[in-house]
C-alpha cells in the first residue's frame, strides 16, 4: 500500500480543492457531465491455486481460474467438484430494488456456464445472466445481449421474462456478483468489459495531470525506460516523462500512473530503483506526503540531490527525502 498526501493545487472541482486544503487528496477529472453515469463500486476476490482477480491498466477486471480441492473455497462439506473461482462482487446493492433495466457485461472468453452474473434476491430466487455467446449451442434470445435463467435452471430467456418469473419487482437484492468458475479450463483469463448495473458502470477515473515533486530536492519524479529517478522539473517543456495522474478504480483503490507509459508505480525492494508495471499496485492517500508500499517501504530519493539519481524503496525515517508533493503540470 502506498500512502500519499498533497499540497494544495488547482483542481477542477471545489470538493477536490477543499480536500487538499485539509491536507488530504481528492482526484478530479473535470466537472462531471450531467449525462455521465454513476460509477459502480465493486471488489475483486479469488480462491484456488492459480485463481486471481486483478485490474488491467484500463480499469477492467481480469478473472483467471485455477484449481482447488473439493470442499474448499466455501463449497459444501462432502461436495466433489472443483470449487475454484474468481469474482467481481458488487458493493452497496444489498436491500436495493432489483433493476428493471437489464444488467450487462461482456467477456472475451466464455464457456457454457462461466463467467456469469448472479443476482441473488431476498425472496430466495436468483437471476443468472450469461453473455449471449456463453451458452454452448444456444445464444439466448438476444445474441448481442445476455441470456437469463431463474435459479440457475437450464431455461434461458430475456431479462424481462426472467425478472417477472422470479417476482423480482416484489423483492429486493441480497447480493450481486460476476463469477468465473471451473466450467472454464484452469489458466483461462477473462477480461470483463462493459459492466453495467442499475444505470451505473465500472470505469476508471483519472485525476488532473501533475508533477510529483521531491520535498527535499524540489526535483520531479521522472521515469526513464521504466525506472524511476528524479530530475530537474522541466516545467517549460512539460516533459512527458515527468507527467503523472492518479487512476481510481471501481473498488476505490488508487494508482499512480505514468502518462507517457500508461503504467503504474509498483512495490519496491529495499535499496532497488522503483519501476513501472502494467499490474497496478494500490495506495491509500493520507496526510504525510509518503508513498508507503505493501511491504512497508516508502518511496525515497536516498538523499541524492543530482539529476537522474534513482528513486528507491526504503525504510521510513521521517526525512523530507521520503516526502513528495503534487503540483499542477502546466498546460
C-alpha atoms as a PDB file:
ATOM      1  CA  UNK A   1       0.000   0.000   0.000  1.00  0.00           C
ATOM      2  CA  UNK A   2       1.302   3.448  -0.893  1.00  0.00           C
ATOM      3  CA  UNK A   3       0.467   6.470   1.256  1.00  0.00           C
ATOM      4  CA  UNK A   4       0.255   9.956  -0.172  1.00  0.00           C
ATOM      5  CA  UNK A   5      -0.561  13.489   0.922  1.00  0.00           C
ATOM      6  CA  UNK A   6      -0.656  16.508  -1.335  1.00  0.00           C
ATOM      7  CA  UNK A   7      -0.099  20.242  -1.081  1.00  0.00           C
ATOM      8  CA  UNK A   8      -2.975  22.423  -2.358  1.00  0.00           C
ATOM      9  CA  UNK A   9      -3.166  22.816  -6.152  1.00  0.00           C
ATOM     10  CA  UNK A  10      -5.742  23.923  -8.673  1.00  0.00           C
ATOM     11  CA  UNK A  11      -8.485  21.356  -9.031  1.00  0.00           C
ATOM     12  CA  UNK A  12     -11.444  21.223 -11.383  1.00  0.00           C
ATOM     13  CA  UNK A  13     -13.884  20.506  -8.584  1.00  0.00           C
ATOM     14  CA  UNK A  14     -14.432  22.578  -5.464  1.00  0.00           C
ATOM     15  CA  UNK A  15     -14.603  19.415  -3.347  1.00  0.00           C
ATOM     16  CA  UNK A  16     -11.159  18.419  -4.527  1.00  0.00           C
ATOM     17  CA  UNK A  17      -9.738  21.804  -3.581  1.00  0.00           C
ATOM     18  CA  UNK A  18     -11.337  21.552  -0.152  1.00  0.00           C
ATOM     19  CA  UNK A  19      -9.832  18.127   0.424  1.00  0.00           C
ATOM     20  CA  UNK A  20      -6.363  19.385  -0.473  1.00  0.00           C
ATOM     21  CA  UNK A  21      -6.700  22.377   1.816  1.00  0.00           C
ATOM     22  CA  UNK A  22      -7.421  19.928   4.619  1.00  0.00           C
ATOM     23  CA  UNK A  23      -4.222  18.036   3.890  1.00  0.00           C
ATOM     24  CA  UNK A  24      -5.815  15.129   2.052  1.00  0.00           C
ATOM     25  CA  UNK A  25      -6.393  14.248  -1.572  1.00  0.00           C
ATOM     26  CA  UNK A  26      -9.324  14.193  -3.948  1.00  0.00           C
ATOM     27  CA  UNK A  27      -8.980  13.043  -7.544  1.00  0.00           C
ATOM     28  CA  UNK A  28     -10.756  15.003 -10.243  1.00  0.00           C
ATOM     29  CA  UNK A  29     -11.025  14.869 -13.990  1.00  0.00           C
ATOM     30  CA  UNK A  30     -13.071  17.994 -14.533  1.00  0.00           C
ATOM     31  CA  UNK A  31     -16.713  18.883 -13.922  1.00  0.00           C
ATOM     32  CA  UNK A  32     -18.991  15.877 -14.172  1.00  0.00           C
ATOM     33  CA  UNK A  33     -21.271  15.796 -17.162  1.00  0.00           C
ATOM     34  CA  UNK A  34     -24.977  15.557 -16.459  1.00  0.00           C
ATOM     35  CA  UNK A  35     -25.039  12.623 -18.866  1.00  0.00           C
ATOM     36  CA  UNK A  36     -22.207  10.719 -17.153  1.00  0.00           C
ATOM     37  CA  UNK A  37     -23.417   7.507 -15.489  1.00  0.00           C
ATOM     38  CA  UNK A  38     -22.513   6.891 -11.846  1.00  0.00           C
ATOM     39  CA  UNK A  39     -19.562   4.643 -11.082  1.00  0.00           C
ATOM     40  CA  UNK A  40     -20.408   1.143  -9.881  1.00  0.00           C
ATOM     41  CA  UNK A  41     -18.348   0.205  -6.790  1.00  0.00           C
ATOM     42  CA  UNK A  42     -17.039  -3.370  -6.867  1.00  0.00           C
ATOM     43  CA  UNK A  43     -14.348  -5.502  -5.239  1.00  0.00           C
ATOM     44  CA  UNK A  44     -12.412  -8.465  -6.595  1.00  0.00           C
ATOM     45  CA  UNK A  45     -11.767 -11.863  -4.985  1.00  0.00           C
ATOM     46  CA  UNK A  46     -10.483 -15.310  -5.954  1.00  0.00           C
ATOM     47  CA  UNK A  47      -9.925 -18.755  -4.448  1.00  0.00           C
ATOM     48  CA  UNK A  48      -7.829 -21.686  -5.621  1.00  0.00           C
ATOM     49  CA  UNK A  49      -4.252 -22.254  -6.749  1.00  0.00           C
ATOM     50  CA  UNK A  50      -3.748 -20.165  -9.876  1.00  0.00           C
ATOM     51  CA  UNK A  51      -7.003 -18.221  -9.436  1.00  0.00           C
ATOM     52  CA  UNK A  52      -6.748 -14.439  -9.478  1.00  0.00           C
ATOM     53  CA  UNK A  53      -8.848 -11.312  -9.863  1.00  0.00           C
ATOM     54  CA  UNK A  54      -6.945  -8.142 -10.791  1.00  0.00           C
ATOM     55  CA  UNK A  55      -7.395  -4.862 -12.625  1.00  0.00           C
ATOM     56  CA  UNK A  56      -5.830  -4.233 -16.005  1.00  0.00           C
ATOM     57  CA  UNK A  57      -4.352  -0.876 -16.952  1.00  0.00           C
ATOM     58  CA  UNK A  58      -7.698   0.245 -18.417  1.00  0.00           C
ATOM     59  CA  UNK A  59      -9.563  -0.375 -15.172  1.00  0.00           C
ATOM     60  CA  UNK A  60     -11.226  -3.612 -16.349  1.00  0.00           C
ATOM     61  CA  UNK A  61     -11.448  -6.699 -14.087  1.00  0.00           C
ATOM     62  CA  UNK A  62      -9.412  -9.690 -15.304  1.00  0.00           C
ATOM     63  CA  UNK A  63     -10.523 -13.018 -13.816  1.00  0.00           C
ATOM     64  CA  UNK A  64      -8.296 -16.106 -14.082  1.00  0.00           C
ATOM     65  CA  UNK A  65      -9.482 -19.519 -12.959  1.00  0.00           C
ATOM     66  CA  UNK A  66      -7.269 -22.030 -11.179  1.00  0.00           C
ATOM     67  CA  UNK A  67      -7.940 -25.225  -9.243  1.00  0.00           C
ATOM     68  CA  UNK A  68      -8.933 -26.073  -5.672  1.00  0.00           C
ATOM     69  CA  UNK A  69      -9.583 -29.278  -3.673  1.00  0.00           C
ATOM     70  CA  UNK A  70     -13.208 -30.339  -3.230  1.00  0.00           C
ATOM     71  CA  UNK A  71     -14.853 -28.886  -0.142  1.00  0.00           C
ATOM     72  CA  UNK A  72     -12.679 -25.747  -0.039  1.00  0.00           C
ATOM     73  CA  UNK A  73     -13.380 -22.170  -1.209  1.00  0.00           C
ATOM     74  CA  UNK A  74     -16.706 -22.173   0.647  1.00  0.00           C
ATOM     75  CA  UNK A  75     -18.041 -25.304  -1.086  1.00  0.00           C
ATOM     76  CA  UNK A  76     -20.331 -27.591   0.962  1.00  0.00           C
ATOM     77  CA  UNK A  77     -18.691 -30.307   3.028  1.00  0.00           C
ATOM     78  CA  UNK A  78     -18.773 -33.595   1.142  1.00  0.00           C
ATOM     79  CA  UNK A  79     -19.014 -31.976  -2.290  1.00  0.00           C
ATOM     80  CA  UNK A  80     -16.828 -33.478  -5.001  1.00  0.00           C
ATOM     81  CA  UNK A  81     -16.481 -30.681  -7.556  1.00  0.00           C
ATOM     82  CA  UNK A  82     -13.564 -28.258  -8.003  1.00  0.00           C
ATOM     83  CA  UNK A  83     -14.793 -25.052  -6.270  1.00  0.00           C
ATOM     84  CA  UNK A  84     -12.112 -22.622  -7.533  1.00  0.00           C
ATOM     85  CA  UNK A  85     -13.461 -19.225  -8.564  1.00  0.00           C
ATOM     86  CA  UNK A  86     -12.645 -15.616  -9.384  1.00  0.00           C
ATOM     87  CA  UNK A  87     -15.272 -12.947  -8.719  1.00  0.00           C
ATOM     88  CA  UNK A  88     -16.313  -9.349  -9.190  1.00  0.00           C
ATOM     89  CA  UNK A  89     -18.507  -8.521  -6.189  1.00  0.00           C
ATOM     90  CA  UNK A  90     -20.874  -5.559  -6.383  1.00  0.00           C
ATOM     91  CA  UNK A  91     -20.935  -3.259  -3.373  1.00  0.00           C
ATOM     92  CA  UNK A  92     -23.744  -1.160  -1.899  1.00  0.00           C
ATOM     93  CA  UNK A  93     -26.515  -3.167  -3.592  1.00  0.00           C
ATOM     94  CA  UNK A  94     -27.906  -5.082  -0.608  1.00  0.00           C
ATOM     95  CA  UNK A  95     -31.622  -4.303   0.004  1.00  0.00           C
ATOM     96  CA  UNK A  96     -31.800  -2.159  -3.142  1.00  0.00           C
ATOM     97  CA  UNK A  97     -34.556  -2.598  -5.713  1.00  0.00           C
ATOM     98  CA  UNK A  98     -33.868  -5.153  -8.439  1.00  0.00           C
ATOM     99  CA  UNK A  99     -33.207  -3.135 -11.607  1.00  0.00           C
ATOM    100  CA  UNK A 100     -35.892  -3.353 -14.257  1.00  0.00           C
ATOM    101  CA  UNK A 101     -33.321  -2.484 -16.907  1.00  0.00           C
ATOM    102  CA  UNK A 102     -31.147  -5.425 -17.971  1.00  0.00           C
ATOM    103  CA  UNK A 103     -27.674  -5.535 -16.341  1.00  0.00           C
ATOM    104  CA  UNK A 104     -24.953  -6.486 -18.829  1.00  0.00           C
ATOM    105  CA  UNK A 105     -21.273  -7.283 -19.255  1.00  0.00           C
ATOM    106  CA  UNK A 106     -19.006  -8.622 -21.988  1.00  0.00           C
ATOM    107  CA  UNK A 107     -16.114 -11.072 -21.954  1.00  0.00           C
ATOM    108  CA  UNK A 108     -13.533 -12.228 -24.470  1.00  0.00           C
ATOM    109  CA  UNK A 109     -13.628 -15.864 -23.289  1.00  0.00           C
ATOM    110  CA  UNK A 110     -16.595 -17.884 -22.134  1.00  0.00           C
ATOM    111  CA  UNK A 111     -17.813 -21.434 -21.536  1.00  0.00           C
ATOM    112  CA  UNK A 112     -21.304 -22.848 -21.049  1.00  0.00           C
ATOM    113  CA  UNK A 113     -21.662 -21.521 -17.521  1.00  0.00           C
ATOM    114  CA  UNK A 114     -18.775 -19.135 -16.968  1.00  0.00           C
ATOM    115  CA  UNK A 115     -18.442 -16.272 -16.441  1.00  0.00           C
ATOM    116  CA  UNK A 116     -21.986 -15.311 -15.380  1.00  0.00           C
ATOM    117  CA  UNK A 117     -23.682 -12.515 -13.462  1.00  0.00           C
ATOM    118  CA  UNK A 118     -25.688 -13.685 -10.462  1.00  0.00           C
ATOM    119  CA  UNK A 119     -28.336 -11.511  -8.795  1.00  0.00           C
ATOM    120  CA  UNK A 120     -29.438 -13.154  -5.538  1.00  0.00           C
ATOM    121  CA  UNK A 121     -32.847 -11.979  -4.347  1.00  0.00           C
ATOM    122  CA  UNK A 122     -34.250 -11.737  -0.849  1.00  0.00           C
ATOM    123  CA  UNK A 123     -37.262 -13.891  -1.840  1.00  0.00           C
ATOM    124  CA  UNK A 124     -34.985 -16.921  -2.287  1.00  0.00           C
ATOM    125  CA  UNK A 125     -34.768 -16.747  -6.080  1.00  0.00           C
ATOM    126  CA  UNK A 126     -31.803 -15.726  -8.194  1.00  0.00           C
ATOM    127  CA  UNK A 127     -31.226 -14.417 -11.710  1.00  0.00           C
ATOM    128  CA  UNK A 128     -28.189 -15.722 -13.613  1.00  0.00           C
ATOM    129  CA  UNK A 129     -27.151 -13.837 -16.731  1.00  0.00           C
ATOM    130  CA  UNK A 130     -24.758 -15.001 -19.426  1.00  0.00           C
ATOM    131  CA  UNK A 131     -23.278 -13.071 -22.336  1.00  0.00           C
ATOM    132  CA  UNK A 132     -25.209 -14.368 -25.349  1.00  0.00           C
ATOM    133  CA  UNK A 133     -22.340 -16.355 -26.816  1.00  0.00           C
ATOM    134  CA  UNK A 134     -21.526 -18.020 -23.479  1.00  0.00           C
ATOM    135  CA  UNK A 135     -24.068 -20.823 -23.903  1.00  0.00           C
ATOM    136  CA  UNK A 136     -22.965 -23.873 -25.848  1.00  0.00           C
ATOM    137  CA  UNK A 137     -25.466 -24.489 -28.645  1.00  0.00           C
ATOM    138  CA  UNK A 138     -27.661 -21.607 -27.514  1.00  0.00           C
ATOM    139  CA  UNK A 139     -27.076 -17.891 -27.890  1.00  0.00           C
ATOM    140  CA  UNK A 140     -30.099 -16.717 -25.958  1.00  0.00           C
ATOM    141  CA  UNK A 141     -32.895 -14.518 -27.218  1.00  0.00           C
ATOM    142  CA  UNK A 142     -30.511 -11.654 -27.951  1.00  0.00           C
ATOM    143  CA  UNK A 143     -27.096 -12.805 -29.297  1.00  0.00           C
ATOM    144  CA  UNK A 144     -25.727  -9.321 -28.732  1.00  0.00           C
ATOM    145  CA  UNK A 145     -27.001  -9.179 -25.138  1.00  0.00           C
ATOM    146  CA  UNK A 146     -27.492 -11.586 -22.246  1.00  0.00           C
ATOM    147  CA  UNK A 147     -29.401 -14.823 -21.701  1.00  0.00           C
ATOM    148  CA  UNK A 148     -31.031 -15.198 -18.272  1.00  0.00           C
ATOM    149  CA  UNK A 149     -32.113 -18.130 -16.114  1.00  0.00           C
ATOM    150  CA  UNK A 150     -34.129 -18.166 -12.888  1.00  0.00           C
ATOM    151  CA  UNK A 151     -32.493 -20.113 -10.029  1.00  0.00           C
ATOM    152  CA  UNK A 152     -29.745 -21.188 -12.463  1.00  0.00           C
ATOM    153  CA  UNK A 153     -32.078 -23.606 -14.249  1.00  0.00           C
ATOM    154  CA  UNK A 154     -31.484 -24.574 -17.863  1.00  0.00           C
ATOM    155  CA  UNK A 155     -34.288 -22.450 -19.334  1.00  0.00           C
ATOM    156  CA  UNK A 156     -32.936 -19.222 -20.832  1.00  0.00           C
ATOM    157  CA  UNK A 157     -34.999 -16.164 -21.614  1.00  0.00           C
ATOM    158  CA  UNK A 158     -34.571 -12.450 -21.960  1.00  0.00           C
ATOM    159  CA  UNK A 159     -34.174 -10.373 -18.815  1.00  0.00           C
ATOM    160  CA  UNK A 160     -37.754  -9.090 -18.690  1.00  0.00           C
ATOM    161  CA  UNK A 161     -39.146 -12.646 -18.727  1.00  0.00           C
ATOM    162  CA  UNK A 162     -36.735 -13.882 -16.053  1.00  0.00           C
ATOM    163  CA  UNK A 163     -37.383 -10.774 -13.942  1.00  0.00           C
ATOM    164  CA  UNK A 164     -41.121 -11.487 -13.939  1.00  0.00           C
ATOM    165  CA  UNK A 165     -40.684 -15.235 -13.288  1.00  0.00           C
ATOM    166  CA  UNK A 166     -38.541 -14.521 -10.207  1.00  0.00           C
ATOM    167  CA  UNK A 167     -41.084 -11.964  -8.858  1.00  0.00           C
ATOM    168  CA  UNK A 168     -38.196  -9.510  -8.776  1.00  0.00           C
ATOM    169  CA  UNK A 169     -40.420  -6.430  -8.639  1.00  0.00           C
ATOM    170  CA  UNK A 170     -41.828  -7.570  -5.281  1.00  0.00           C
ATOM    171  CA  UNK A 171     -38.492  -8.134  -3.529  1.00  0.00           C
ATOM    172  CA  UNK A 172     -35.015  -6.620  -3.104  1.00  0.00           C
ATOM    173  CA  UNK A 173     -31.412  -7.561  -3.806  1.00  0.00           C
ATOM    174  CA  UNK A 174     -29.465  -9.812  -1.449  1.00  0.00           C
ATOM    175  CA  UNK A 175     -26.176  -9.912  -3.372  1.00  0.00           C
ATOM    176  CA  UNK A 176     -24.769  -9.421  -6.880  1.00  0.00           C
ATOM    177  CA  UNK A 177     -21.552 -10.764  -8.401  1.00  0.00           C
ATOM    178  CA  UNK A 178     -19.940 -11.909 -11.635  1.00  0.00           C
ATOM    179  CA  UNK A 179     -18.210 -15.258 -11.203  1.00  0.00           C
ATOM    180  CA  UNK A 180     -15.750 -17.226 -13.286  1.00  0.00           C
ATOM    181  CA  UNK A 181     -15.566 -20.906 -12.272  1.00  0.00           C
ATOM    182  CA  UNK A 182     -14.284 -24.265 -13.430  1.00  0.00           C
ATOM    183  CA  UNK A 183     -16.682 -24.501 -16.343  1.00  0.00           C
ATOM    184  CA  UNK A 184     -13.602 -22.925 -17.908  1.00  0.00           C
ATOM    185  CA  UNK A 185     -10.211 -24.636 -18.146  1.00  0.00           C
ATOM    186  CA  UNK A 186      -7.601 -23.802 -15.478  1.00  0.00           C
ATOM    187  CA  UNK A 187      -5.491 -20.869 -16.595  1.00  0.00           C
ATOM    188  CA  UNK A 188      -8.288 -19.236 -18.630  1.00  0.00           C
ATOM    189  CA  UNK A 189      -8.331 -15.452 -18.226  1.00  0.00           C
ATOM    190  CA  UNK A 190     -11.474 -13.393 -18.853  1.00  0.00           C
ATOM    191  CA  UNK A 191     -11.273  -9.623 -19.280  1.00  0.00           C
ATOM    192  CA  UNK A 192     -14.675  -8.196 -18.371  1.00  0.00           C
ATOM    193  CA  UNK A 193     -15.787  -5.026 -20.125  1.00  0.00           C
ATOM    194  CA  UNK A 194     -18.975  -3.010 -20.445  1.00  0.00           C
ATOM    195  CA  UNK A 195     -20.242  -3.901 -16.962  1.00  0.00           C
ATOM    196  CA  UNK A 196     -23.478  -2.024 -16.260  1.00  0.00           C
ATOM    197  CA  UNK A 197     -25.904  -2.433 -13.379  1.00  0.00           C
ATOM    198  CA  UNK A 198     -28.853  -0.210 -12.432  1.00  0.00           C
ATOM    199  CA  UNK A 199     -27.536   2.598 -14.633  1.00  0.00           C
ATOM    200  CA  UNK A 200     -24.041   2.516 -13.103  1.00  0.00           C
ATOM    201  CA  UNK A 201     -20.825   1.406 -14.820  1.00  0.00           C
ATOM    202  CA  UNK A 202     -17.439   0.040 -13.813  1.00  0.00           C
ATOM    203  CA  UNK A 203     -14.938   2.576 -15.006  1.00  0.00           C
ATOM    204  CA  UNK A 204     -11.550   4.072 -14.249  1.00  0.00           C
ATOM    205  CA  UNK A 205     -11.418   7.767 -13.377  1.00  0.00           C
ATOM    206  CA  UNK A 206      -8.336   9.940 -13.644  1.00  0.00           C
ATOM    207  CA  UNK A 207      -7.033  12.968 -11.779  1.00  0.00           C
ATOM    208  CA  UNK A 208      -5.551  16.019 -13.408  1.00  0.00           C
ATOM    209  CA  UNK A 209      -2.062  15.603 -14.872  1.00  0.00           C
ATOM    210  CA  UNK A 210       0.506  16.565 -12.223  1.00  0.00           C
ATOM    211  CA  UNK A 211       4.195  16.727 -11.374  1.00  0.00           C
ATOM    212  CA  UNK A 212       5.354  14.716  -8.329  1.00  0.00           C
ATOM    213  CA  UNK A 213       7.959  16.854  -6.549  1.00  0.00           C
ATOM    214  CA  UNK A 214      10.598  15.648  -4.072  1.00  0.00           C
ATOM    215  CA  UNK A 215      10.177  17.832  -0.976  1.00  0.00           C
ATOM    216  CA  UNK A 216      13.898  17.653  -0.157  1.00  0.00           C
ATOM    217  CA  UNK A 217      15.397  18.466  -3.569  1.00  0.00           C
ATOM    218  CA  UNK A 218      12.434  20.094  -5.364  1.00  0.00           C
ATOM    219  CA  UNK A 219      13.226  17.826  -8.309  1.00  0.00           C
ATOM    220  CA  UNK A 220      10.485  15.922 -10.122  1.00  0.00           C
ATOM    221  CA  UNK A 221       9.735  12.224 -10.203  1.00  0.00           C
ATOM    222  CA  UNK A 222      10.873  11.051 -13.624  1.00  0.00           C
ATOM    223  CA  UNK A 223      10.598   7.732 -15.449  1.00  0.00           C
ATOM    224  CA  UNK A 224      13.144   6.536 -17.967  1.00  0.00           C
ATOM    225  CA  UNK A 225      12.966   3.085 -19.553  1.00  0.00           C
ATOM    226  CA  UNK A 226      10.513   2.145 -16.839  1.00  0.00           C
ATOM    227  CA  UNK A 227      12.857   3.038 -13.941  1.00  0.00           C
ATOM    228  CA  UNK A 228      12.082   5.933 -11.584  1.00  0.00           C
ATOM    229  CA  UNK A 229      14.549   8.715 -10.859  1.00  0.00           C
ATOM    230  CA  UNK A 230      14.431  12.414 -10.027  1.00  0.00           C
ATOM    231  CA  UNK A 231      15.265  15.203 -12.452  1.00  0.00           C
ATOM    232  CA  UNK A 232      15.078  18.987 -12.583  1.00  0.00           C
ATOM    233  CA  UNK A 233      11.425  19.810 -13.188  1.00  0.00           C
ATOM    234  CA  UNK A 234      11.019  20.629 -16.864  1.00  0.00           C
ATOM    235  CA  UNK A 235       8.046  22.907 -16.372  1.00  0.00           C
ATOM    236  CA  UNK A 236       8.503  24.972 -19.511  1.00  0.00           C
ATOM    237  CA  UNK A 237       8.536  21.973 -21.844  1.00  0.00           C
ATOM    238  CA  UNK A 238       6.092  19.866 -19.816  1.00  0.00           C
ATOM    239  CA  UNK A 239       8.368  16.873 -20.293  1.00  0.00           C
ATOM    240  CA  UNK A 240       6.183  13.788 -20.639  1.00  0.00           C
ATOM    241  CA  UNK A 241       8.444  11.512 -18.567  1.00  0.00           C
ATOM    242  CA  UNK A 242       7.556  13.693 -15.534  1.00  0.00           C
ATOM    243  CA  UNK A 243       3.788  13.680 -16.008  1.00  0.00           C
ATOM    244  CA  UNK A 244       1.612  11.581 -13.702  1.00  0.00           C
ATOM    245  CA  UNK A 245      -2.042  11.134 -12.942  1.00  0.00           C
ATOM    246  CA  UNK A 246      -3.990   9.345 -10.265  1.00  0.00           C
ATOM    247  CA  UNK A 247      -6.134   6.475 -11.551  1.00  0.00           C
ATOM    248  CA  UNK A 248      -9.026   5.460  -9.308  1.00  0.00           C
ATOM    249  CA  UNK A 249     -10.595   2.070  -9.980  1.00  0.00           C
ATOM    250  CA  UNK A 250     -14.079   0.831  -9.145  1.00  0.00           C
ATOM    251  CA  UNK A 251     -13.127  -0.543  -5.724  1.00  0.00           C
ATOM    252  CA  UNK A 252     -11.900   2.913  -4.686  1.00  0.00           C
ATOM    253  CA  UNK A 253      -8.234   1.929  -4.843  1.00  0.00           C
ATOM    254  CA  UNK A 254      -5.828   4.487  -6.286  1.00  0.00           C
ATOM    255  CA  UNK A 255      -2.787   4.044  -8.516  1.00  0.00           C
ATOM    256  CA  UNK A 256      -0.075   6.455  -9.608  1.00  0.00           C
ATOM    257  CA  UNK A 257       0.078   6.182 -13.392  1.00  0.00           C
ATOM    258  CA  UNK A 258       2.728   7.419 -15.824  1.00  0.00           C
ATOM    259  CA  UNK A 259       1.033   9.495 -18.518  1.00  0.00           C
ATOM    260  CA  UNK A 260       3.729   8.586 -21.052  1.00  0.00           C
ATOM    261  CA  UNK A 261       3.815   4.826 -20.392  1.00  0.00           C
ATOM    262  CA  UNK A 262       0.266   4.184 -19.108  1.00  0.00           C
ATOM    263  CA  UNK A 263       1.820   2.014 -16.408  1.00  0.00           C
ATOM    264  CA  UNK A 264       1.853   2.208 -12.646  1.00  0.00           C
ATOM    265  CA  UNK A 265       4.440   2.621  -9.874  1.00  0.00           C
ATOM    266  CA  UNK A 266       4.975  -0.820  -8.365  1.00  0.00           C
ATOM    267  CA  UNK A 267       6.012  -2.034  -4.920  1.00  0.00           C
ATOM    268  CA  UNK A 268       9.686  -1.559  -4.087  1.00  0.00           C
ATOM    269  CA  UNK A 269      12.535  -3.747  -2.857  1.00  0.00           C
ATOM    270  CA  UNK A 270      14.760  -2.028  -0.301  1.00  0.00           C
ATOM    271  CA  UNK A 271      17.530  -0.076  -1.996  1.00  0.00           C
ATOM    272  CA  UNK A 272      16.425  -1.044  -5.510  1.00  0.00           C
ATOM    273  CA  UNK A 273      15.242   1.542  -8.047  1.00  0.00           C
ATOM    274  CA  UNK A 274      11.491   1.659  -8.345  1.00  0.00           C
ATOM    275  CA  UNK A 275       9.957   0.776 -11.690  1.00  0.00           C
ATOM    276  CA  UNK A 276       6.669   0.705 -13.568  1.00  0.00           C
ATOM    277  CA  UNK A 277       4.368  -2.219 -14.106  1.00  0.00           C
ATOM    278  CA  UNK A 278       1.183  -2.907 -16.062  1.00  0.00           C
ATOM    279  CA  UNK A 279      -0.233  -4.602 -12.945  1.00  0.00           C
ATOM    280  CA  UNK A 280      -1.357  -1.805 -10.613  1.00  0.00           C
ATOM    281  CA  UNK A 281      -0.096  -1.517  -7.020  1.00  0.00           C
ATOM    282  CA  UNK A 282      -2.613   0.365  -4.903  1.00  0.00           C
ATOM    283  CA  UNK A 283      -2.015   3.005  -2.238  1.00  0.00           C
ATOM    284  CA  UNK A 284      -4.174   4.943   0.188  1.00  0.00           C
ATOM    285  CA  UNK A 285      -3.822   8.749   0.223  1.00  0.00           C
ATOM    286  CA  UNK A 286      -3.334  10.024   3.802  1.00  0.00           C
ATOM    287  CA  UNK A 287      -1.531  13.051   5.273  1.00  0.00           C
ATOM    288  CA  UNK A 288       2.249  12.873   5.331  1.00  0.00           C
ATOM    289  CA  UNK A 289       3.445  13.053   1.737  1.00  0.00           C
ATOM    290  CA  UNK A 290       4.551   9.402   1.726  1.00  0.00           C
ATOM    291  CA  UNK A 291       4.186   6.592  -0.759  1.00  0.00           C
ATOM    292  CA  UNK A 292       4.089   3.544   1.511  1.00  0.00           C
ATOM    293  CA  UNK A 293       4.135   0.179  -0.246  1.00  0.00           C
ATOM    294  CA  UNK A 294       2.511  -3.038   0.927  1.00  0.00           C
ATOM    295  CA  UNK A 295       5.881  -4.304   2.198  1.00  0.00           C
ATOM    296  CA  UNK A 296       6.225  -1.252   4.467  1.00  0.00           C
ATOM    297  CA  UNK A 297       8.897   0.536   2.407  1.00  0.00           C
ATOM    298  CA  UNK A 298       8.444   4.092   1.186  1.00  0.00           C
ATOM    299  CA  UNK A 299       9.484   5.939  -1.961  1.00  0.00           C
ATOM    300  CA  UNK A 300      12.832   7.612  -1.180  1.00  0.00           C
ATOM    301  CA  UNK A 301      15.414   9.629  -3.129  1.00  0.00           C
ATOM    302  CA  UNK A 302      18.091   8.325  -0.686  1.00  0.00           C
ATOM    303  CA  UNK A 303      19.371  11.854  -0.127  1.00  0.00           C
ATOM    304  CA  UNK A 304      20.854  12.153  -3.611  1.00  0.00           C
ATOM    305  CA  UNK A 305      20.490  15.667  -4.963  1.00  0.00           C
ATOM    306  CA  UNK A 306      21.556  15.301  -8.569  1.00  0.00           C
ATOM    307  CA  UNK A 307      19.672  14.711 -11.792  1.00  0.00           C
ATOM    308  CA  UNK A 308      18.761  11.111 -12.676  1.00  0.00           C
ATOM    309  CA  UNK A 309      19.578   9.827  -9.189  1.00  0.00           C
ATOM    310  CA  UNK A 310      17.444   6.769  -8.575  1.00  0.00           C
ATOM    311  CA  UNK A 311      14.243   6.748  -6.547  1.00  0.00           C
ATOM    312  CA  UNK A 312      14.156   3.574  -4.431  1.00  0.00           C
ATOM    313  CA  UNK A 313      12.158   1.711  -1.817  1.00  0.00           C
ATOM    314  CA  UNK A 314      13.492   2.347   1.712  1.00  0.00           C
ATOM    315  CA  UNK A 315      12.523   2.043   5.370  1.00  0.00           C
ATOM    316  CA  UNK A 316      10.628   5.037   6.728  1.00  0.00           C
ATOM    317  CA  UNK A 317      12.931   7.510   8.515  1.00  0.00           C
ATOM    318  CA  UNK A 318      10.788  10.680   8.590  1.00  0.00           C
ATOM    319  CA  UNK A 319      13.103  12.610   6.244  1.00  0.00           C
ATOM    320  CA  UNK A 320      11.967  15.031   3.532  1.00  0.00           C
ATOM    321  CA  UNK A 321      13.725  12.782   1.020  1.00  0.00           C
ATOM    322  CA  UNK A 322      10.742  10.471   1.505  1.00  0.00           C
ATOM    323  CA  UNK A 323       8.062  13.131   1.125  1.00  0.00           C
ATOM    324  CA  UNK A 324       6.520  14.082  -2.219  1.00  0.00           C
ATOM    325  CA  UNK A 325       4.075  16.768  -3.284  1.00  0.00           C
ATOM    326  CA  UNK A 326       1.757  17.033  -6.275  1.00  0.00           C
ATOM    327  CA  UNK A 327       1.682  20.258  -8.282  1.00  0.00           C
ATOM    328  CA  UNK A 328      -0.300  21.042 -11.408  1.00  0.00           C
ATOM    329  CA  UNK A 329       1.557  20.362 -14.645  1.00  0.00           C
ATOM    330  CA  UNK A 330       1.241  23.493 -16.782  1.00  0.00           C
ATOM    331  CA  UNK A 331      -0.989  23.032 -19.816  1.00  0.00           C
END
